[in-house]
Amino acid sequence: MPALLCLFTAGPAFAVTYRDMTGRAITLAGPPTRIVSLVPSVTELIYALGGEDRLVGRTDFCDYPAAALGKPSVGGMIAPNLEAIVALRADLVVATTAGNREETFLQLRRLGLPTYIVNADRVGEVFDLVARVGALTGRTTAVAALVAQMNERIRGIRTRVQPYRTPRVLYVLWPEPLIVPARHALVTELIEIAGGRSVTAVDGDAYPRYSLEAAVAASPEVILLASHGSRTGAAVKDKWERLASLPAIKTGRLYAVDGDLMHRYGPRMIDGLAQIARAIHPEAFR
């Protein structure tokens, strides 16, 4: 496990230095006891590790587990209410480069609020984040068991799908404009683990815009539509069903999957992986 913090004496008290996932060092007067999470994935991990006593605030999008809804909200991810964060007397704010704005980071720093930045584009980085959240919440002893449980489920899915061929998979993160995962997106690795090959796994931004023409030309054998609550539904599915020449449509392999599970890098990510694997290789789970 990487060394995530170092302790050193500063006068009569102990200062604690953490290094976030961008490499920045954040020095606090002591271990954080009042954390505001601007990251749904981190909120889930805090609860999974049993560190929720240190969580004093979350965003409107931090809706899992249900107990998290009992924590005060500081608004949305893009433009959280800074006054609310200050009022909560936060001694650490956890934010992400994938969802929060650079302007928010700058404003937090101007207010003197220590900000710990995270992101995870690979499964290995998810496990790294689990360890980091464990360190931030004083729950390092719970890290190994959670990581082992997640790893065991991943190995089980790999074993089930290994005997079968690797079909071409189109994953649609968002329908209009069409947004898909590129090579360095977490969901691309999940598709690979699940025994598929993402047709959009090319270099570029993690989730670039994509043309419908390119999607058709890739001739996907499986199409996965990420659902995002009431914002996606039957109309989106109907659009793809009209593309009758696609192998995925000919064989009825157009599926909806839960976007929250695929894009929140916490324990439920494995539930998302299982959804993908069952869609790509139903024969492996009969």
Protein backbone atom coordinates (compact mmCIF):
# COMPACT_ATOMS: atom_id res chain seq x y z
CA MET A 1 0.00 0.00 0.00
CA PRO A 2 1.49 3.42 -0.88
CA ALA A 3 2.61 5.77 1.86
CA LEU A 4 -0.27 8.22 1.85
CA LEU A 5 0.67 10.54 4.68
CA CYS A 6 3.61 11.55 6.78
CA LEU A 7 3.55 12.95 10.30
CA PHE A 8 5.90 15.54 11.67
CA THR A 9 6.07 17.63 14.81
CA ALA A 10 5.21 21.33 14.61
CA GLY A 11 5.56 22.85 18.07
CA PRO A 12 3.44 21.06 20.68
CA ALA A 13 0.99 19.60 18.14
CA PHE A 14 1.33 17.11 15.32
CA ALA A 15 0.83 18.29 11.77
CA VAL A 16 -0.33 15.80 9.18
CA THR A 17 0.59 15.97 5.50
CA TYR A 18 -1.45 14.15 2.87
CA ARG A 19 -0.58 13.95 -0.81
CA ASP A 20 -3.62 13.93 -3.08
CA MET A 21 -4.03 12.13 -6.41
CA THR A 22 -2.57 15.07 -8.35
CA GLY A 23 0.60 14.93 -6.25
CA ARG A 24 -0.20 18.07 -4.22
CA ALA A 25 0.73 18.08 -0.54
CA ILE A 26 -1.97 19.20 1.92
CA THR A 27 -0.79 19.90 5.47
CA LEU A 28 -3.34 20.01 8.29
CA ALA A 29 -2.98 20.73 12.00
CA GLY A 30 -4.12 17.16 12.66
CA PRO A 31 -6.15 14.36 11.09
CA PRO A 32 -9.32 15.75 9.49
CA THR A 33 -12.47 15.30 11.56
CA ARG A 34 -14.89 17.47 9.53
CA ILE A 35 -14.81 16.39 5.88
CA VAL A 36 -17.02 17.75 3.10
CA SER A 37 -17.22 15.45 0.07
CA LEU A 38 -17.95 16.96 -3.33
CA VAL A 39 -17.53 13.49 -4.90
CA PRO A 40 -20.33 10.87 -4.82
CA SER A 41 -17.74 8.09 -5.18
CA VAL A 42 -15.85 9.31 -2.12
CA THR A 43 -19.06 9.66 -0.11
CA GLU A 44 -19.88 6.02 -0.89
CA LEU A 45 -16.37 4.92 0.07
CA ILE A 46 -16.49 6.80 3.37
CA TYR A 47 -19.61 4.84 4.33
CA ALA A 48 -18.25 1.55 2.99
CA LEU A 49 -15.20 1.95 5.22
CA GLY A 50 -17.21 3.04 8.25
CA GLY A 51 -15.79 6.57 8.40
CA GLU A 52 -19.07 8.48 8.13
CA ASP A 53 -18.65 10.13 11.56
CA ARG A 54 -16.07 12.41 9.93
CA LEU A 55 -18.34 13.35 7.02
CA VAL A 56 -20.18 16.62 7.75
CA GLY A 57 -21.32 17.61 4.25
CA ARG A 58 -22.02 16.23 0.78
CA THR A 59 -23.44 17.30 -2.60
CA ASP A 60 -26.96 16.79 -3.94
CA PHE A 61 -25.51 13.99 -6.10
CA CYS A 62 -24.20 12.08 -3.07
CA ASP A 63 -27.34 9.97 -2.78
CA TYR A 64 -25.92 6.59 -1.81
CA PRO A 65 -26.12 5.02 0.68
CA ALA A 66 -29.48 6.34 1.87
CA ALA A 67 -27.89 7.35 5.17
CA ALA A 68 -25.81 9.93 3.30
CA LEU A 69 -28.98 11.92 2.65
CA GLY A 70 -29.03 12.69 6.36
CA LYS A 71 -25.86 14.76 6.00
CA PRO A 72 -26.19 18.48 5.12
CA SER A 73 -25.98 19.24 1.40
CA VAL A 74 -23.75 21.96 -0.01
CA GLY A 75 -25.48 21.98 -3.40
CA GLY A 76 -24.29 20.67 -6.75
CA MET A 77 -20.90 19.43 -7.91
CA ILE A 78 -20.31 22.09 -10.55
CA ALA A 79 -21.07 25.07 -8.34
CA PRO A 80 -21.28 24.04 -4.68
CA ASN A 81 -22.37 26.59 -2.08
CA LEU A 82 -19.09 27.83 -0.62
CA GLU A 83 -20.84 29.62 2.25
CA ALA A 84 -22.43 26.33 3.26
CA ILE A 85 -19.04 24.62 3.26
CA VAL A 86 -17.58 27.36 5.47
CA ALA A 87 -20.59 27.18 7.81
CA LEU A 88 -19.96 23.45 8.29
CA ARG A 89 -16.48 24.31 9.63
CA ALA A 90 -14.88 21.87 7.22
CA ASP A 91 -11.24 21.13 7.86
CA LEU A 92 -10.92 19.23 4.54
CA VAL A 93 -12.85 19.31 1.27
CA VAL A 94 -12.53 16.33 -1.09
CA ALA A 95 -13.07 17.28 -4.76
CA THR A 96 -12.47 15.74 -8.17
CA THR A 97 -11.04 16.83 -11.50
CA ALA A 98 -13.91 14.89 -13.12
CA GLY A 99 -16.99 16.88 -12.10
CA ASN A 100 -15.79 19.91 -10.14
CA ARG A 101 -14.58 23.10 -11.79
CA GLU A 102 -11.09 24.55 -11.52
CA GLU A 103 -12.79 27.76 -10.40
CA THR A 104 -14.20 25.88 -7.40
CA PHE A 105 -10.72 24.67 -6.44
CA LEU A 106 -9.38 28.23 -6.62
CA GLN A 107 -12.25 29.65 -4.55
CA LEU A 108 -11.77 27.00 -1.87
CA ARG A 109 -8.08 27.82 -1.66
CA ARG A 110 -8.80 31.55 -1.41
CA LEU A 111 -11.06 30.78 1.54
CA GLY A 112 -8.24 28.83 3.16
CA LEU A 113 -10.11 25.52 2.92
CA PRO A 114 -7.68 22.60 2.35
CA THR A 115 -8.76 20.69 -0.75
CA TYR A 116 -7.86 17.08 -1.50
CA ILE A 117 -8.33 16.24 -5.21
CA VAL A 118 -9.10 12.74 -6.47
CA ASN A 119 -9.91 10.90 -9.69
CA ALA A 120 -9.71 7.28 -10.83
CA ASP A 121 -9.48 6.19 -14.46
CA ARG A 122 -8.27 2.63 -13.84
CA VAL A 123 -9.30 -0.14 -11.48
CA GLY A 124 -5.90 0.04 -9.79
CA GLU A 125 -6.51 3.73 -9.09
CA VAL A 126 -9.84 2.85 -7.49
CA PHE A 127 -8.03 0.59 -5.03
CA ASP A 128 -5.52 3.39 -4.41
CA LEU A 129 -8.42 5.73 -3.66
CA VAL A 130 -9.92 3.24 -1.20
CA ALA A 131 -6.63 3.33 0.74
CA ARG A 132 -6.53 7.13 0.61
CA VAL A 133 -10.08 7.51 1.90
CA GLY A 134 -9.25 5.03 4.64
CA ALA A 135 -6.31 7.21 5.67
CA LEU A 136 -8.37 10.42 5.59
CA THR A 137 -11.11 8.93 7.78
CA GLY A 138 -8.94 6.96 10.18
CA ARG A 139 -10.26 3.67 8.80
CA THR A 140 -7.09 2.13 7.40
CA THR A 141 -7.86 -1.17 9.11
CA ALA A 142 -11.00 -1.55 6.97
CA VAL A 143 -9.21 -1.03 3.65
CA ALA A 144 -7.72 -4.50 3.10
CA ALA A 145 -11.03 -6.34 3.59
CA LEU A 146 -12.92 -4.04 1.18
CA VAL A 147 -10.23 -4.26 -1.50
CA ALA A 148 -10.05 -8.04 -1.12
CA GLN A 149 -13.81 -8.35 -1.50
CA MET A 150 -13.80 -6.22 -4.66
CA ASN A 151 -10.83 -8.12 -6.10
CA GLU A 152 -12.47 -11.48 -5.43
CA ARG A 153 -15.59 -10.47 -7.37
CA ILE A 154 -13.46 -9.17 -10.26
CA ARG A 155 -11.56 -12.46 -10.43
CA GLY A 156 -14.84 -14.38 -10.43
CA ILE A 157 -16.20 -12.39 -13.37
CA ARG A 158 -12.93 -12.76 -15.31
CA THR A 159 -13.06 -16.51 -14.81
CA ARG A 160 -16.66 -16.78 -16.02
CA VAL A 161 -16.16 -14.83 -19.27
CA GLN A 162 -12.67 -16.10 -20.14
CA PRO A 163 -13.78 -19.07 -22.30
CA TYR A 164 -15.84 -16.94 -24.68
CA ARG A 165 -14.99 -14.80 -27.71
CA THR A 166 -14.62 -11.02 -27.34
CA PRO A 167 -17.47 -9.11 -29.03
CA ARG A 168 -17.34 -5.47 -30.15
CA VAL A 169 -19.10 -3.25 -27.60
CA LEU A 170 -20.43 0.29 -27.95
CA TYR A 171 -20.99 2.02 -24.61
CA VAL A 172 -23.10 5.21 -24.75
CA LEU A 173 -22.49 7.44 -21.75
CA TRP A 174 -24.78 10.20 -23.03
CA PRO A 175 -27.08 10.25 -26.08
CA GLU A 176 -27.23 13.92 -27.15
CA PRO A 177 -24.50 14.85 -27.85
CA LEU A 178 -23.18 11.32 -28.20
CA ILE A 179 -20.49 10.82 -25.52
CA VAL A 180 -18.52 7.59 -25.22
CA PRO A 181 -15.56 6.21 -23.23
CA ALA A 182 -12.10 6.47 -24.77
CA ARG A 183 -9.05 4.32 -24.03
CA HIS A 184 -8.26 5.82 -20.63
CA ALA A 185 -11.80 5.76 -19.20
CA LEU A 186 -12.57 3.48 -16.27
CA VAL A 187 -15.58 1.97 -18.03
CA THR A 188 -13.37 0.91 -20.96
CA GLU A 189 -11.34 -1.24 -18.59
CA LEU A 190 -14.55 -2.62 -17.07
CA ILE A 191 -15.70 -3.67 -20.57
CA GLU A 192 -12.37 -5.45 -21.11
CA ILE A 193 -12.63 -7.28 -17.77
CA ALA A 194 -16.20 -8.26 -18.69
CA GLY A 195 -14.95 -9.97 -21.85
CA GLY A 196 -15.72 -7.29 -24.43
CA ARG A 197 -13.80 -4.86 -26.64
CA SER A 198 -14.90 -1.24 -26.63
CA VAL A 199 -15.13 0.11 -30.19
CA THR A 200 -14.41 3.64 -28.89
CA ALA A 201 -11.20 2.75 -27.02
CA VAL A 202 -9.07 5.30 -28.85
CA ASP A 203 -6.70 7.94 -27.51
CA GLY A 204 -8.15 11.26 -26.45
CA ASP A 205 -10.22 12.65 -23.61
CA ALA A 206 -11.62 10.09 -21.18
CA TYR A 207 -15.16 10.69 -22.46
CA PRO A 208 -15.10 12.41 -25.87
CA ARG A 209 -17.94 13.29 -28.17
CA TYR A 210 -18.51 10.76 -30.94
CA SER A 211 -20.39 10.78 -34.21
CA LEU A 212 -23.30 8.48 -34.94
CA GLU A 213 -21.65 7.67 -38.28
CA ALA A 214 -18.52 6.43 -36.51
CA ALA A 215 -20.65 4.34 -34.15
CA VAL A 216 -22.43 2.69 -37.08
CA ALA A 217 -19.14 2.11 -38.92
CA ALA A 218 -17.74 0.31 -35.85
CA SER A 219 -20.48 -2.34 -36.30
CA PRO A 220 -20.97 -3.05 -32.57
CA GLU A 221 -22.27 -6.47 -31.57
CA VAL A 222 -23.44 -5.23 -28.17
CA ILE A 223 -24.71 -1.73 -27.33
CA LEU A 224 -24.88 -0.56 -23.71
CA LEU A 225 -26.88 2.59 -22.90
CA ALA A 226 -26.00 4.18 -19.56
CA SER A 227 -29.14 5.25 -17.74
CA HIS A 228 -29.13 8.39 -15.60
CA GLY A 229 -32.41 8.39 -13.72
CA SER A 230 -35.33 9.95 -15.57
CA ARG A 231 -33.03 11.79 -17.99
CA THR A 232 -32.70 8.81 -20.32
CA GLY A 233 -35.22 6.22 -21.33
CA ALA A 234 -37.36 4.71 -24.04
CA ALA A 235 -36.82 7.52 -26.56
CA VAL A 236 -33.06 6.95 -26.51
CA LYS A 237 -33.47 3.20 -26.95
CA ASP A 238 -35.87 3.74 -29.87
CA LYS A 239 -33.27 5.86 -31.67
CA TRP A 240 -30.80 2.97 -31.69
CA GLU A 241 -33.40 0.35 -32.53
CA ARG A 242 -34.05 2.17 -35.81
CA LEU A 243 -30.48 1.36 -36.90
CA ALA A 244 -31.56 -2.09 -38.03
CA SER A 245 -28.36 -2.86 -39.95
CA LEU A 246 -26.22 -2.97 -36.78
CA PRO A 247 -25.31 -6.48 -35.57
CA ALA A 248 -26.37 -5.54 -32.03
CA ILE A 249 -29.85 -4.57 -33.19
CA LYS A 250 -30.24 -7.59 -35.45
CA THR A 251 -29.60 -9.91 -32.52
CA GLY A 252 -31.49 -7.87 -29.92
CA ARG A 253 -28.39 -7.00 -27.92
CA LEU A 254 -29.25 -3.44 -26.92
CA TYR A 255 -29.20 -3.03 -23.14
CA ALA A 256 -29.66 -0.32 -20.52
CA VAL A 257 -27.13 -0.31 -17.68
CA ASP A 258 -27.01 1.78 -14.51
CA GLY A 259 -24.70 4.75 -15.13
CA ASP A 260 -24.21 5.41 -11.41
CA LEU A 261 -22.66 1.98 -11.00
CA MET A 262 -20.30 2.42 -13.95
CA HIS A 263 -19.03 5.91 -13.18
CA ARG A 264 -18.81 6.01 -9.40
CA TYR A 265 -15.49 4.46 -8.48
CA GLY A 266 -16.53 2.80 -5.25
CA PRO A 267 -17.60 -0.69 -4.14
CA ARG A 268 -20.72 -0.62 -6.35
CA MET A 269 -18.44 -0.35 -9.39
CA ILE A 270 -18.26 -4.15 -9.19
CA ASP A 271 -22.05 -4.33 -9.47
CA GLY A 272 -21.69 -2.26 -12.63
CA LEU A 273 -19.01 -4.63 -13.92
CA ALA A 274 -21.38 -7.55 -13.30
CA GLN A 275 -24.12 -5.79 -15.29
CA ILE A 276 -21.75 -5.29 -18.21
CA ALA A 277 -20.52 -8.88 -18.07
CA ARG A 278 -24.06 -10.30 -18.04
CA ALA A 279 -24.98 -8.14 -21.04
CA ILE A 280 -21.89 -9.13 -23.04
CA HIS A 281 -21.82 -12.80 -22.00
CA PRO A 282 -25.26 -13.92 -20.78
CA GLU A 283 -24.20 -17.49 -21.56
CA ALA A 284 -21.59 -17.27 -18.78
CA PHE A 285 -24.17 -16.51 -16.08
CA ARG A 286 -26.98 -18.93 -16.82
